[in-house]
PDB file of N, CA and C in Angstrom:
ATOM      1  N   UNK A   1     -17.989   9.540   8.065  1.00  0.00           N
ATOM      2  CA  UNK A   1     -17.897   9.427   6.625  1.00  0.00           C
ATOM      3  C   UNK A   1     -16.573   9.951   6.072  1.00  0.00           C
ATOM      4  N   UNK A   2     -16.111   9.289   5.008  1.00  0.00           N
ATOM      5  CA  UNK A   2     -14.843   9.658   4.477  1.00  0.00           C
ATOM      6  C   UNK A   2     -14.907   9.683   2.949  1.00  0.00           C
ATOM      7  N   UNK A   3     -14.066  10.471   2.350  1.00  0.00           N
ATOM      8  CA  UNK A   3     -13.890  10.494   0.894  1.00  0.00           C
ATOM      9  C   UNK A   3     -12.590   9.804   0.657  1.00  0.00           C
ATOM     10  N   UNK A   4     -12.514   8.765  -0.110  1.00  0.00           N
ATOM     11  CA  UNK A   4     -11.347   8.094  -0.581  1.00  0.00           C
ATOM     12  C   UNK A   4     -11.014   8.401  -1.948  1.00  0.00           C
ATOM     13  N   UNK A   5      -9.858   8.940  -2.203  1.00  0.00           N
ATOM     14  CA  UNK A   5      -9.425   9.362  -3.596  1.00  0.00           C
ATOM     15  C   UNK A   5      -8.171   8.671  -3.805  1.00  0.00           C
ATOM     16  N   UNK A   6      -8.068   7.922  -4.999  1.00  0.00           N
ATOM     17  CA  UNK A   6      -6.861   7.310  -5.327  1.00  0.00           C
ATOM     18  C   UNK A   6      -6.493   7.530  -6.796  1.00  0.00           C
ATOM     19  N   UNK A   7      -5.187   7.528  -7.055  1.00  0.00           N
ATOM     20  CA  UNK A   7      -4.628   7.616  -8.409  1.00  0.00           C
ATOM     21  C   UNK A   7      -4.066   6.274  -8.699  1.00  0.00           C
ATOM     22  N   UNK A   8      -4.497   5.613  -9.704  1.00  0.00           N
ATOM     23  CA  UNK A   8      -3.952   4.285 -10.007  1.00  0.00           C
ATOM     24  C   UNK A   8      -3.506   4.128 -11.454  1.00  0.00           C
ATOM     25  N   UNK A   9      -2.846   3.041 -11.746  1.00  0.00           N
ATOM     26  CA  UNK A   9      -2.630   2.754 -13.191  1.00  0.00           C
ATOM     27  C   UNK A   9      -3.975   2.461 -13.896  1.00  0.00           C
ATOM     28  N   UNK A  10      -4.083   3.014 -15.032  1.00  0.00           N
ATOM     29  CA  UNK A  10      -5.327   2.904 -15.711  1.00  0.00           C
ATOM     30  C   UNK A  10      -5.674   1.427 -16.069  1.00  0.00           C
ATOM     31  N   UNK A  11      -4.720   0.585 -16.245  1.00  0.00           N
ATOM     32  CA  UNK A  11      -5.027  -0.818 -16.621  1.00  0.00           C
ATOM     33  C   UNK A  11      -5.574  -1.611 -15.379  1.00  0.00           C
ATOM     34  N   UNK A  12      -5.533  -1.021 -14.170  1.00  0.00           N
ATOM     35  CA  UNK A  12      -6.005  -1.641 -12.966  1.00  0.00           C
ATOM     36  C   UNK A  12      -7.491  -1.338 -12.720  1.00  0.00           C
ATOM     37  N   UNK A  13      -8.059  -0.540 -13.552  1.00  0.00           N
ATOM     38  CA  UNK A  13      -9.470  -0.011 -13.237  1.00  0.00           C
ATOM     39  C   UNK A  13     -10.490  -1.152 -13.273  1.00  0.00           C
ATOM     40  N   UNK A  14     -10.449  -2.080 -14.197  1.00  0.00           N
ATOM     41  CA  UNK A  14     -11.485  -3.055 -14.343  1.00  0.00           C
ATOM     42  C   UNK A  14     -11.461  -3.987 -13.055  1.00  0.00           C
ATOM     43  N   UNK A  15     -10.266  -4.469 -12.747  1.00  0.00           N
ATOM     44  CA  UNK A  15     -10.188  -5.358 -11.565  1.00  0.00           C
ATOM     45  C   UNK A  15     -10.599  -4.693 -10.325  1.00  0.00           C
ATOM     46  N   UNK A  16     -10.157  -3.407 -10.151  1.00  0.00           N
ATOM     47  CA  UNK A  16     -10.466  -2.658  -8.942  1.00  0.00           C
ATOM     48  C   UNK A  16     -11.958  -2.358  -8.804  1.00  0.00           C
ATOM     49  N   UNK A  17     -12.588  -2.026  -9.956  1.00  0.00           N
ATOM     50  CA  UNK A  17     -14.073  -1.809  -9.946  1.00  0.00           C
ATOM     51  C   UNK A  17     -14.745  -3.058  -9.476  1.00  0.00           C
ATOM     52  N   UNK A  18     -14.427  -4.173 -10.038  1.00  0.00           N
ATOM     53  CA  UNK A  18     -15.140  -5.421  -9.661  1.00  0.00           C
ATOM     54  C   UNK A  18     -14.916  -5.742  -8.165  1.00  0.00           C
ATOM     55  N   UNK A  19     -13.667  -5.563  -7.695  1.00  0.00           N
ATOM     56  CA  UNK A  19     -13.358  -5.805  -6.272  1.00  0.00           C
ATOM     57  C   UNK A  19     -14.130  -4.872  -5.354  1.00  0.00           C
ATOM     58  N   UNK A  20     -14.206  -3.564  -5.674  1.00  0.00           N
ATOM     59  CA  UNK A  20     -14.867  -2.548  -4.901  1.00  0.00           C
ATOM     60  C   UNK A  20     -16.376  -2.811  -4.845  1.00  0.00           C
ATOM     61  N   UNK A  21     -16.923  -3.238  -6.059  1.00  0.00           N
ATOM     62  CA  UNK A  21     -18.378  -3.623  -6.024  1.00  0.00           C
ATOM     63  C   UNK A  21     -18.579  -4.754  -5.068  1.00  0.00           C
ATOM     64  N   UNK A  22     -17.697  -5.732  -5.128  1.00  0.00           N
ATOM     65  CA  UNK A  22     -17.795  -6.904  -4.171  1.00  0.00           C
ATOM     66  C   UNK A  22     -17.692  -6.520  -2.736  1.00  0.00           C
ATOM     67  N   UNK A  23     -17.017  -5.396  -2.471  1.00  0.00           N
ATOM     68  CA  UNK A  23     -16.836  -4.872  -1.095  1.00  0.00           C
ATOM     69  C   UNK A  23     -18.016  -4.030  -0.659  1.00  0.00           C
ATOM     70  N   UNK A  24     -18.930  -3.791  -1.531  1.00  0.00           N
ATOM     71  CA  UNK A  24     -20.237  -3.146  -1.180  1.00  0.00           C
ATOM     72  C   UNK A  24     -20.186  -1.638  -1.224  1.00  0.00           C
ATOM     73  N   UNK A  25     -19.286  -1.000  -2.099  1.00  0.00           N
ATOM     74  CA  UNK A  25     -19.378   0.447  -2.178  1.00  0.00           C
ATOM     75  C   UNK A  25     -20.737   0.842  -2.834  1.00  0.00           C
ATOM     76  N   UNK A  26     -21.123   2.105  -2.467  1.00  0.00           N
ATOM     77  CA  UNK A  26     -22.398   2.663  -3.040  1.00  0.00           C
ATOM     78  C   UNK A  26     -22.220   3.332  -4.347  1.00  0.00           C
ATOM     79  N   UNK A  27     -21.001   3.544  -4.792  1.00  0.00           N
ATOM     80  CA  UNK A  27     -20.766   4.160  -6.140  1.00  0.00           C
ATOM     81  C   UNK A  27     -19.369   4.685  -6.149  1.00  0.00           C
ATOM     82  N   UNK A  28     -18.962   5.099  -7.276  1.00  0.00           N
ATOM     83  CA  UNK A  28     -17.566   5.649  -7.453  1.00  0.00           C
ATOM     84  C   UNK A  28     -17.540   6.580  -8.677  1.00  0.00           C
ATOM     85  N   UNK A  29     -16.646   7.469  -8.664  1.00  0.00           N
ATOM     86  CA  UNK A  29     -16.419   8.449  -9.761  1.00  0.00           C
ATOM     87  C   UNK A  29     -15.022   8.115 -10.357  1.00  0.00           C
ATOM     88  N   UNK A  30     -14.922   8.044 -11.664  1.00  0.00           N
ATOM     89  CA  UNK A  30     -13.684   7.760 -12.335  1.00  0.00           C
ATOM     90  C   UNK A  30     -13.326   8.865 -13.329  1.00  0.00           C
ATOM     91  N   UNK A  31     -12.062   9.335 -13.209  1.00  0.00           N
ATOM     92  CA  UNK A  31     -11.625  10.378 -14.152  1.00  0.00           C
ATOM     93  C   UNK A  31     -10.253   9.992 -14.704  1.00  0.00           C
ATOM     94  N   UNK A  32     -10.096  10.267 -16.018  1.00  0.00           N
ATOM     95  CA  UNK A  32      -8.748  10.113 -16.594  1.00  0.00           C
ATOM     96  C   UNK A  32      -7.937  11.375 -16.273  1.00  0.00           C
ATOM     97  N   UNK A  33      -6.755  11.172 -15.732  1.00  0.00           N
ATOM     98  CA  UNK A  33      -5.970  12.283 -15.322  1.00  0.00           C
ATOM     99  C   UNK A  33      -4.537  12.093 -15.868  1.00  0.00           C
ATOM    100  N   UNK A  34      -3.777  13.113 -15.745  1.00  0.00           N
ATOM    101  CA  UNK A  34      -2.261  12.997 -16.042  1.00  0.00           C
ATOM    102  C   UNK A  34      -1.538  13.694 -14.904  1.00  0.00           C
ATOM    103  N   UNK A  35      -0.335  13.118 -14.577  1.00  0.00           N
ATOM    104  CA  UNK A  35       0.462  13.634 -13.517  1.00  0.00           C
ATOM    105  C   UNK A  35       1.761  13.002 -13.464  1.00  0.00           C
ATOM    106  N   UNK A  36       2.545  13.427 -12.412  1.00  0.00           N
ATOM    107  CA  UNK A  36       3.838  12.792 -12.193  1.00  0.00           C
ATOM    108  C   UNK A  36       4.109  12.708 -10.706  1.00  0.00           C
ATOM    109  N   UNK A  37       4.959  11.802 -10.320  1.00  0.00           N
ATOM    110  CA  UNK A  37       5.290  11.648  -8.971  1.00  0.00           C
ATOM    111  C   UNK A  37       6.881  11.794  -8.788  1.00  0.00           C
ATOM    112  N   UNK A  38       7.462  10.856  -8.108  1.00  0.00           N
ATOM    113  CA  UNK A  38       8.837  10.967  -7.715  1.00  0.00           C
ATOM    114  C   UNK A  38       9.727  10.931  -8.929  1.00  0.00           C
ATOM    115  N   UNK A  39       9.316  10.318 -10.032  1.00  0.00           N
ATOM    116  CA  UNK A  39      10.118  10.226 -11.259  1.00  0.00           C
ATOM    117  C   UNK A  39       9.928  11.438 -12.107  1.00  0.00           C
ATOM    118  N   UNK A  40      10.191  12.629 -11.678  1.00  0.00           N
ATOM    119  CA  UNK A  40       9.933  13.873 -12.352  1.00  0.00           C
ATOM    120  C   UNK A  40      11.192  14.333 -13.181  1.00  0.00           C
ATOM    121  N   UNK A  41      12.061  13.410 -13.506  1.00  0.00           N
ATOM    122  CA  UNK A  41      13.255  13.831 -14.208  1.00  0.00           C
ATOM    123  C   UNK A  41      13.147  13.530 -15.693  1.00  0.00           C
ATOM    124  N   UNK A  42      12.007  13.024 -16.110  1.00  0.00           N
ATOM    125  CA  UNK A  42      11.822  12.774 -17.511  1.00  0.00           C
ATOM    126  C   UNK A  42      11.673  14.064 -18.260  1.00  0.00           C
ATOM    127  N   UNK A  43      11.991  13.963 -19.644  1.00  0.00           N
ATOM    128  CA  UNK A  43      11.783  15.227 -20.408  1.00  0.00           C
ATOM    129  C   UNK A  43      10.352  15.706 -20.338  1.00  0.00           C
ATOM    130  N   UNK A  44      10.160  16.955 -20.454  1.00  0.00           N
ATOM    131  CA  UNK A  44       8.840  17.560 -20.296  1.00  0.00           C
ATOM    132  C   UNK A  44       7.784  16.975 -21.152  1.00  0.00           C
ATOM    133  N   UNK A  45       8.128  16.573 -22.340  1.00  0.00           N
ATOM    134  CA  UNK A  45       7.145  15.985 -23.272  1.00  0.00           C
ATOM    135  C   UNK A  45       6.676  14.641 -22.701  1.00  0.00           C
ATOM    136  N   UNK A  46       7.444  13.970 -21.809  1.00  0.00           N
ATOM    137  CA  UNK A  46       6.949  12.671 -21.188  1.00  0.00           C
ATOM    138  C   UNK A  46       6.698  12.795 -19.745  1.00  0.00           C
ATOM    139  N   UNK A  47       6.764  13.988 -19.178  1.00  0.00           N
ATOM    140  CA  UNK A  47       6.605  14.211 -17.781  1.00  0.00           C
ATOM    141  C   UNK A  47       5.347  13.768 -17.216  1.00  0.00           C
ATOM    142  N   UNK A  48       4.168  14.129 -17.867  1.00  0.00           N
ATOM    143  CA  UNK A  48       2.870  13.769 -17.361  1.00  0.00           C
ATOM    144  C   UNK A  48       2.417  12.417 -17.881  1.00  0.00           C
ATOM    145  N   UNK A  49       2.170  11.497 -16.994  1.00  0.00           N
ATOM    146  CA  UNK A  49       1.782  10.126 -17.304  1.00  0.00           C
ATOM    147  C   UNK A  49       0.234   9.946 -17.095  1.00  0.00           C
ATOM    148  N   UNK A  50      -0.311   9.281 -18.009  1.00  0.00           N
ATOM    149  CA  UNK A  50      -1.803   9.103 -17.963  1.00  0.00           C
ATOM    150  C   UNK A  50      -2.099   8.101 -16.807  1.00  0.00           C
ATOM    151  N   UNK A  51      -3.045   8.520 -15.939  1.00  0.00           N
ATOM    152  CA  UNK A  51      -3.449   7.653 -14.797  1.00  0.00           C
ATOM    153  C   UNK A  51      -5.036   7.757 -14.633  1.00  0.00           C
ATOM    154  N   UNK A  52      -5.525   7.026 -13.733  1.00  0.00           N
ATOM    155  CA  UNK A  52      -6.959   6.995 -13.446  1.00  0.00           C
ATOM    156  C   UNK A  52      -7.188   7.419 -12.027  1.00  0.00           C
ATOM    157  N   UNK A  53      -8.089   8.406 -11.822  1.00  0.00           N
ATOM    158  CA  UNK A  53      -8.392   8.928 -10.425  1.00  0.00           C
ATOM    159  C   UNK A  53      -9.806   8.279 -10.054  1.00  0.00           C
ATOM    160  N   UNK A  54      -9.840   7.734  -8.895  1.00  0.00           N
ATOM    161  CA  UNK A  54     -11.083   7.215  -8.397  1.00  0.00           C
ATOM    162  C   UNK A  54     -11.497   7.866  -7.080  1.00  0.00           C
ATOM    163  N   UNK A  55     -12.761   8.164  -7.016  1.00  0.00           N
ATOM    164  CA  UNK A  55     -13.297   8.829  -5.827  1.00  0.00           C
ATOM    165  C   UNK A  55     -14.485   8.015  -5.288  1.00  0.00           C
ATOM    166  N   UNK A  56     -14.401   7.752  -4.068  1.00  0.00           N
ATOM    167  CA  UNK A  56     -15.443   6.917  -3.360  1.00  0.00           C
ATOM    168  C   UNK A  56     -15.870   7.582  -2.062  1.00  0.00           C
ATOM    169  N   UNK A  57     -17.161   7.692  -1.823  1.00  0.00           N
ATOM    170  CA  UNK A  57     -17.592   8.109  -0.539  1.00  0.00           C
ATOM    171  C   UNK A  57     -17.850   6.875   0.312  1.00  0.00           C
ATOM    172  N   UNK A  58     -17.439   6.906   1.524  1.00  0.00           N
ATOM    173  CA  UNK A  58     -17.610   5.603   2.314  1.00  0.00           C
ATOM    174  C   UNK A  58     -17.972   5.958   3.789  1.00  0.00           C
ATOM    175  N   UNK A  59     -18.682   4.984   4.362  1.00  0.00           N
ATOM    176  CA  UNK A  59     -18.893   5.056   5.789  1.00  0.00           C
ATOM    177  C   UNK A  59     -17.613   4.732   6.507  1.00  0.00           C
ATOM    178  N   UNK A  60     -17.473   5.257   7.733  1.00  0.00           N
ATOM    179  CA  UNK A  60     -16.228   5.045   8.494  1.00  0.00           C
ATOM    180  C   UNK A  60     -16.002   3.485   8.564  1.00  0.00           C
ATOM    181  N   UNK A  61     -17.087   2.708   8.764  1.00  0.00           N
ATOM    182  CA  UNK A  61     -16.926   1.334   8.937  1.00  0.00           C
ATOM    183  C   UNK A  61     -16.478   0.568   7.630  1.00  0.00           C
ATOM    184  N   UNK A  62     -16.531   1.233   6.518  1.00  0.00           N
ATOM    185  CA  UNK A  62     -16.043   0.719   5.206  1.00  0.00           C
ATOM    186  C   UNK A  62     -14.579   1.031   4.858  1.00  0.00           C
ATOM    187  N   UNK A  63     -14.117   1.919   5.425  1.00  0.00           N
ATOM    188  CA  UNK A  63     -12.857   2.506   4.961  1.00  0.00           C
ATOM    189  C   UNK A  63     -11.641   1.449   5.002  1.00  0.00           C
ATOM    190  N   UNK A  64     -11.487   0.748   6.043  1.00  0.00           N
ATOM    191  CA  UNK A  64     -10.437  -0.218   6.080  1.00  0.00           C
ATOM    192  C   UNK A  64     -10.524  -1.294   5.029  1.00  0.00           C
ATOM    193  N   UNK A  65     -11.763  -1.750   4.805  1.00  0.00           N
ATOM    194  CA  UNK A  65     -11.915  -2.826   3.841  1.00  0.00           C
ATOM    195  C   UNK A  65     -11.699  -2.230   2.402  1.00  0.00           C
ATOM    196  N   UNK A  66     -12.145  -0.974   2.113  1.00  0.00           N
ATOM    197  CA  UNK A  66     -11.899  -0.394   0.788  1.00  0.00           C
ATOM    198  C   UNK A  66     -10.442  -0.140   0.574  1.00  0.00           C
ATOM    199  N   UNK A  67      -9.709   0.372   1.625  1.00  0.00           N
ATOM    200  CA  UNK A  67      -8.231   0.511   1.452  1.00  0.00           C
ATOM    201  C   UNK A  67      -7.559  -0.795   1.169  1.00  0.00           C
ATOM    202  N   UNK A  68      -7.930  -1.842   1.873  1.00  0.00           N
ATOM    203  CA  UNK A  68      -7.314  -3.181   1.642  1.00  0.00           C
ATOM    204  C   UNK A  68      -7.571  -3.637   0.240  1.00  0.00           C
ATOM    205  N   UNK A  69      -8.722  -3.400  -0.271  1.00  0.00           N
ATOM    206  CA  UNK A  69      -9.035  -3.760  -1.639  1.00  0.00           C
ATOM    207  C   UNK A  69      -8.187  -3.020  -2.651  1.00  0.00           C
ATOM    208  N   UNK A  70      -8.101  -1.738  -2.435  1.00  0.00           N
ATOM    209  CA  UNK A  70      -7.328  -0.884  -3.376  1.00  0.00           C
ATOM    210  C   UNK A  70      -5.831  -1.360  -3.354  1.00  0.00           C
ATOM    211  N   UNK A  71      -5.359  -1.570  -2.146  1.00  0.00           N
ATOM    212  CA  UNK A  71      -3.910  -1.997  -2.049  1.00  0.00           C
ATOM    213  C   UNK A  71      -3.688  -3.337  -2.713  1.00  0.00           C
ATOM    214  N   UNK A  72      -4.623  -4.259  -2.457  1.00  0.00           N
ATOM    215  CA  UNK A  72      -4.512  -5.594  -3.054  1.00  0.00           C
ATOM    216  C   UNK A  72      -4.523  -5.587  -4.588  1.00  0.00           C
ATOM    217  N   UNK A  73      -5.445  -4.778  -5.115  1.00  0.00           N
ATOM    218  CA  UNK A  73      -5.673  -4.795  -6.578  1.00  0.00           C
ATOM    219  C   UNK A  73      -4.672  -3.904  -7.345  1.00  0.00           C
ATOM    220  N   UNK A  74      -4.088  -2.939  -6.696  1.00  0.00           N
ATOM    221  CA  UNK A  74      -3.284  -2.002  -7.449  1.00  0.00           C
ATOM    222  C   UNK A  74      -1.786  -2.150  -7.142  1.00  0.00           C
ATOM    223  N   UNK A  75      -1.382  -2.926  -6.207  1.00  0.00           N
ATOM    224  CA  UNK A  75       0.011  -3.091  -5.831  1.00  0.00           C
ATOM    225  C   UNK A  75       0.757  -3.935  -6.912  1.00  0.00           C
ATOM    226  N   UNK A  76       1.863  -3.399  -7.340  1.00  0.00           N
ATOM    227  CA  UNK A  76       2.825  -4.149  -8.265  1.00  0.00           C
ATOM    228  C   UNK A  76       4.205  -4.140  -7.624  1.00  0.00           C
ATOM    229  N   UNK A  77       4.422  -3.181  -6.775  1.00  0.00           N
ATOM    230  CA  UNK A  77       5.744  -3.000  -6.171  1.00  0.00           C
ATOM    231  C   UNK A  77       6.695  -2.099  -6.973  1.00  0.00           C
ATOM    232  N   UNK A  78       6.128  -1.499  -8.045  1.00  0.00           N
ATOM    233  CA  UNK A  78       6.974  -0.692  -8.954  1.00  0.00           C
ATOM    234  C   UNK A  78       6.526   0.750  -8.813  1.00  0.00           C
ATOM    235  N   UNK A  79       7.462   1.651  -9.204  1.00  0.00           N
ATOM    236  CA  UNK A  79       7.057   3.115  -9.252  1.00  0.00           C
ATOM    237  C   UNK A  79       5.894   3.251 -10.182  1.00  0.00           C
ATOM    238  N   UNK A  80       4.906   4.107  -9.799  1.00  0.00           N
ATOM    239  CA  UNK A  80       3.788   4.343 -10.643  1.00  0.00           C
ATOM    240  C   UNK A  80       2.497   3.648 -10.139  1.00  0.00           C
ATOM    241  N   UNK A  81       2.625   2.830  -9.108  1.00  0.00           N
ATOM    242  CA  UNK A  81       1.382   2.209  -8.530  1.00  0.00           C
ATOM    243  C   UNK A  81       0.350   3.152  -8.132  1.00  0.00           C
ATOM    244  N   UNK A  82       0.707   4.339  -7.693  1.00  0.00           N
ATOM    245  CA  UNK A  82      -0.256   5.363  -7.373  1.00  0.00           C
ATOM    246  C   UNK A  82      -0.228   5.788  -5.927  1.00  0.00           C
ATOM    247  N   UNK A  83      -1.330   6.438  -5.558  1.00  0.00           N
ATOM    248  CA  UNK A  83      -1.451   6.887  -4.103  1.00  0.00           C
ATOM    249  C   UNK A  83      -2.989   6.811  -3.760  1.00  0.00           C
ATOM    250  N   UNK A  84      -3.167   6.762  -2.425  1.00  0.00           N
ATOM    251  CA  UNK A  84      -4.530   6.770  -1.839  1.00  0.00           C
ATOM    252  C   UNK A  84      -4.566   7.792  -0.796  1.00  0.00           C
ATOM    253  N   UNK A  85      -5.642   8.635  -0.826  1.00  0.00           N
ATOM    254  CA  UNK A  85      -5.832   9.558   0.257  1.00  0.00           C
ATOM    255  C   UNK A  85      -7.220   9.463   0.863  1.00  0.00           C
ATOM    256  N   UNK A  86      -7.271   9.523   2.160  1.00  0.00           N
ATOM    257  CA  UNK A  86      -8.546   9.441   2.920  1.00  0.00           C
ATOM    258  C   UNK A  86      -8.833  10.775   3.572  1.00  0.00           C
ATOM    259  N   UNK A  87      -9.946  11.300   3.233  1.00  0.00           N
ATOM    260  CA  UNK A  87     -10.357  12.677   3.796  1.00  0.00           C
ATOM    261  C   UNK A  87     -11.651  12.622   4.548  1.00  0.00           C
ATOM    262  N   UNK A  88     -11.722  13.422   5.583  1.00  0.00           N
ATOM    263  CA  UNK A  88     -13.000  13.516   6.329  1.00  0.00           C
ATOM    264  C   UNK A  88     -14.115  14.125   5.453  1.00  0.00           C
ATOM    265  N   UNK A  89     -15.266  13.643   5.677  1.00  0.00           N
ATOM    266  CA  UNK A  89     -16.425  14.156   4.855  1.00  0.00           C
ATOM    267  C   UNK A  89     -17.392  14.644   5.832  1.00  0.00           C
ATOM    268  N   UNK A  90     -17.544  16.034   5.853  1.00  0.00           N
ATOM    269  CA  UNK A  90     -18.499  16.627   6.801  1.00  0.00           C
ATOM    270  C   UNK A  90     -19.936  16.420   6.542  1.00  0.00           C
ATOM    271  N   UNK A  91     -20.287  16.266   5.241  1.00  0.00           N
ATOM    272  CA  UNK A  91     -21.663  16.067   4.895  1.00  0.00           C
ATOM    273  C   UNK A  91     -21.786  15.484   3.506  1.00  0.00           C
ATOM    274  N   UNK A  92     -22.864  14.702   3.300  1.00  0.00           N
ATOM    275  CA  UNK A  92     -23.046  14.223   1.917  1.00  0.00           C
ATOM    276  C   UNK A  92     -24.564  14.215   1.684  1.00  0.00           C
ATOM    277  N   UNK A  93     -25.000  14.721   0.508  1.00  0.00           N
ATOM    278  CA  UNK A  93     -26.447  14.761   0.230  1.00  0.00           C
ATOM    279  C   UNK A  93     -26.709  14.169  -1.088  1.00  0.00           C
ATOM    280  N   UNK A  94     -27.548  13.187  -1.252  1.00  0.00           N
ATOM    281  CA  UNK A  94     -27.968  12.650  -2.544  1.00  0.00           C
ATOM    282  C   UNK A  94     -28.991  13.624  -3.114  1.00  0.00           C
ATOM    283  N   UNK A  95     -28.697  14.248  -4.184  1.00  0.00           N
ATOM    284  CA  UNK A  95     -29.501  15.371  -4.716  1.00  0.00           C
ATOM    285  C   UNK A  95     -30.886  14.843  -5.061  1.00  0.00           C
ATOM    286  N   UNK A  96     -30.958  13.662  -5.714  1.00  0.00           N
ATOM    287  CA  UNK A  96     -32.261  13.183  -6.200  1.00  0.00           C
ATOM    288  C   UNK A  96     -33.288  12.922  -5.063  1.00  0.00           C
ATOM    289  N   UNK A  97     -32.848  12.349  -3.972  1.00  0.00           N
ATOM    290  CA  UNK A  97     -33.727  11.962  -2.843  1.00  0.00           C
ATOM    291  C   UNK A  97     -33.661  12.951  -1.702  1.00  0.00           C
ATOM    292  N   UNK A  98     -32.603  13.786  -1.678  1.00  0.00           N
ATOM    293  CA  UNK A  98     -32.323  14.666  -0.576  1.00  0.00           C
ATOM    294  C   UNK A  98     -31.916  13.937   0.728  1.00  0.00           C
ATOM    295  N   UNK A  99     -31.579  12.613   0.554  1.00  0.00           N
ATOM    296  CA  UNK A  99     -31.107  11.912   1.707  1.00  0.00           C
ATOM    297  C   UNK A  99     -29.760  12.504   2.122  1.00  0.00           C
ATOM    298  N   UNK A 100     -29.407  12.451   3.453  1.00  0.00           N
ATOM    299  CA  UNK A 100     -28.262  13.019   3.967  1.00  0.00           C
ATOM    300  C   UNK A 100     -27.400  12.060   4.638  1.00  0.00           C
ATOM    301  N   UNK A 101     -26.116  12.446   4.897  1.00  0.00           N
ATOM    302  CA  UNK A 101     -25.129  11.679   5.661  1.00  0.00           C
ATOM    303  C   UNK A 101     -25.020  10.248   5.209  1.00  0.00           C
ATOM    304  N   UNK A 102     -25.069   9.350   6.122  1.00  0.00           N
ATOM    305  CA  UNK A 102     -24.825   7.938   5.865  1.00  0.00           C
ATOM    306  C   UNK A 102     -25.860   7.403   4.761  1.00  0.00           C
ATOM    307  N   UNK A 103     -27.100   7.787   4.750  1.00  0.00           N
ATOM    308  CA  UNK A 103     -28.069   7.336   3.797  1.00  0.00           C
ATOM    309  C   UNK A 103     -27.663   7.734   2.427  1.00  0.00           C
ATOM    310  N   UNK A 104     -26.956   8.864   2.236  1.00  0.00           N
ATOM    311  CA  UNK A 104     -26.553   9.320   0.918  1.00  0.00           C
ATOM    312  C   UNK A 104     -25.230   8.604   0.373  1.00  0.00           C
ATOM    313  N   UNK A 105     -24.522   8.017   1.300  1.00  0.00           N
ATOM    314  CA  UNK A 105     -23.293   7.326   0.942  1.00  0.00           C
ATOM    315  C   UNK A 105     -23.506   5.904   0.463  1.00  0.00           C
ATOM    316  N   UNK A 106     -24.408   5.175   1.117  1.00  0.00           N
ATOM    317  CA  UNK A 106     -24.555   3.760   0.689  1.00  0.00           C
ATOM    318  C   UNK A 106     -25.717   3.565  -0.259  1.00  0.00           C
TER     319      UNK A 106
END
């Protein structure tokens, strides 16, 4: 199991959500965030840019497809496209049903 976290342009959220649902994800969390990347030479009042953070729990077998979807939907080739991180997930429990591991992810 993995946790996939990505920071994307906010205007890409709708298309990415539809594509990830089509890829069979079991759910996702979306947060509005602010940050900066390599272009940190802007004045402080414009330094932090609004972005969208997405978190998805995935089975190992889903990771490559989810990454391909994210890269396809969020790529523009310009600075600010965002980043994707994949992290190991030691355990996952669905609180309502107490299902664990893979059953809690899908």
